[in-house]
Amino acid sequence: QVQLVESGGGLVQAGGSLRLSCTASGSILSIYDMGWYRQAPGKQRELVATITFGGSTTYADSVKGRFTISRDNAKNTVLLQMNSLKPEDTTVYYCNADVRAWSRTRLVYWGQGTQVTVSS
């Protein structure tokens, strides 16, 4: 089985920074795309940033210039550096990974979520 574990969330003042980390573990053969999503109460889960195995990235318009996604393929880890945080960034952030297991099964996995709270 494959598990994704996030860390790095917390409480920060507006204008501050946080660094989220997500590490995949288990019988992993390879990981294709990885990403970060967030979901506010009453809203659909939205894409924050994605990164391919080769390092190509995409960002939501709302975070461009403030957030940076990166990954360490050797460690099966994806990071999200969040700068210039705003109160509207407050919500739960979820890690996502498209994983090929040693069994050859390919599935999309989600982390349990980590809370980010930005005070005004």
Protein backbone atom coordinates (compact mmCIF):
# COMPACT_ATOMS: atom_id res chain seq x y z
CA GLN A 1 0.00 0.00 0.00
CA VAL A 2 1.04 3.61 -0.55
CA GLN A 3 0.73 6.40 1.96
CA LEU A 4 1.18 10.15 1.58
CA VAL A 5 1.96 12.17 4.69
CA GLU A 6 1.91 15.97 4.78
CA SER A 7 3.58 18.28 7.26
CA GLY A 8 4.42 21.94 7.68
CA GLY A 9 1.02 23.49 8.14
CA GLY A 10 0.29 25.86 10.96
CA LEU A 11 -0.64 29.38 11.96
CA VAL A 12 1.12 32.35 10.41
CA GLN A 13 0.49 36.08 10.13
CA ALA A 14 -0.43 37.67 6.83
CA GLY A 15 2.68 38.26 4.77
CA GLY A 16 4.48 35.37 6.36
CA SER A 17 5.69 32.08 4.94
CA LEU A 18 5.14 28.37 5.38
CA ARG A 19 6.72 25.36 3.75
CA LEU A 20 4.58 22.28 3.23
CA SER A 21 6.12 18.87 2.69
CA CYS A 22 4.57 15.64 1.48
CA THR A 23 6.36 12.30 1.38
CA ALA A 24 5.06 9.14 -0.28
CA SER A 25 6.03 5.78 1.16
CA GLY A 26 5.31 2.13 0.44
CA SER A 27 5.93 -0.22 -2.46
CA ILE A 28 6.47 2.53 -5.01
CA LEU A 29 7.89 1.88 -8.43
CA SER A 30 7.52 5.41 -9.72
CA ILE A 31 5.57 8.60 -9.20
CA TYR A 32 4.27 10.60 -12.13
CA ASP A 33 2.61 13.94 -11.41
CA MET A 34 2.46 15.31 -7.89
CA GLY A 35 0.53 18.29 -6.67
CA TRP A 36 -1.05 20.36 -3.96
CA TYR A 37 -4.75 21.11 -3.70
CA ARG A 38 -6.85 23.01 -1.22
CA GLN A 39 -10.49 22.98 -0.24
CA ALA A 40 -12.34 25.74 1.56
CA PRO A 41 -15.65 25.07 3.34
CA GLY A 42 -18.51 24.80 0.88
CA LYS A 43 -16.23 24.92 -2.13
CA GLN A 44 -14.85 22.38 -4.56
CA ARG A 45 -11.30 21.21 -4.07
CA GLU A 46 -9.07 23.35 -6.25
CA LEU A 47 -5.65 22.92 -7.75
CA VAL A 48 -2.89 24.97 -6.18
CA ALA A 49 0.17 23.68 -8.01
CA THR A 50 1.35 20.58 -9.85
CA ILE A 51 4.71 19.26 -10.92
CA THR A 52 5.61 16.48 -13.33
CA PHE A 53 8.37 13.92 -12.88
CA GLY A 54 10.56 16.06 -15.11
CA GLY A 55 9.87 19.24 -13.17
CA SER A 56 7.31 21.06 -15.30
CA THR A 57 5.01 23.12 -13.09
CA THR A 58 1.59 24.70 -13.16
CA TYR A 59 0.05 27.14 -10.69
CA ALA A 60 -3.34 28.53 -9.92
CA ASP A 61 -3.57 32.20 -10.85
CA SER A 62 -4.24 33.09 -7.23
CA VAL A 63 -0.84 31.80 -6.07
CA LYS A 64 1.44 32.65 -8.99
CA GLY A 65 4.45 34.60 -7.84
CA ARG A 66 3.87 33.64 -4.21
CA PHE A 67 4.03 29.83 -4.10
CA THR A 68 6.70 27.52 -5.48
CA ILE A 69 6.32 23.78 -5.94
CA SER A 70 9.31 21.46 -6.15
CA ARG A 71 10.07 17.77 -5.75
CA ASP A 72 12.83 15.38 -4.82
CA ASN A 73 12.27 12.21 -6.81
CA ALA A 74 14.86 10.25 -4.84
CA LYS A 75 12.94 10.96 -1.63
CA ASN A 76 9.44 10.71 -3.14
CA THR A 77 8.77 14.16 -1.72
CA VAL A 78 6.96 17.22 -3.01
CA LEU A 79 7.29 20.63 -1.38
CA LEU A 80 5.23 23.78 -1.49
CA GLN A 81 6.95 26.97 -0.44
CA MET A 82 4.28 29.54 0.38
CA ASN A 83 5.33 33.17 0.68
CA SER A 84 3.36 36.39 1.11
CA LEU A 85 0.50 34.46 2.63
CA LYS A 86 -2.95 36.02 2.71
CA PRO A 87 -5.95 35.28 4.93
CA GLU A 88 -7.75 33.87 1.91
CA ASP A 89 -5.09 31.15 1.72
CA THR A 90 -6.52 29.73 4.94
CA THR A 91 -7.85 26.21 4.42
CA VAL A 92 -6.78 22.58 4.38
CA TYR A 93 -4.09 21.67 1.88
CA TYR A 94 -3.90 18.19 0.39
CA CYS A 95 -1.01 16.43 -1.29
CA ASN A 96 -1.70 14.37 -4.40
CA ALA A 97 0.42 11.82 -6.25
CA ASP A 98 -0.06 9.61 -9.29
CA VAL A 99 1.74 6.44 -8.22
CA ARG A 100 2.84 3.24 -9.94
CA ALA A 101 3.31 0.56 -7.29
CA TRP A 102 5.57 -2.48 -7.57
CA SER A 103 2.42 -4.47 -8.27
CA ARG A 104 2.11 -2.34 -11.44
CA THR A 105 -1.12 -0.89 -10.16
CA ARG A 106 -1.38 2.82 -10.91
CA LEU A 107 -3.54 4.90 -8.61
CA VAL A 108 -3.93 8.48 -7.50
CA TYR A 109 -3.35 8.91 -3.77
CA TRP A 110 -4.23 11.74 -1.43
CA GLY A 111 -2.70 12.81 1.83
CA GLN A 112 -4.74 13.38 4.96
CA GLY A 113 -4.48 17.15 4.67
CA THR A 114 -2.67 19.79 6.65
CA GLN A 115 -4.27 22.95 8.01
CA VAL A 116 -2.93 26.34 7.01
CA THR A 117 -4.28 29.34 8.88
CA VAL A 118 -3.27 32.90 8.00
CA SER A 119 -4.28 35.59 10.45
CA SER A 120 -5.03 39.15 9.38
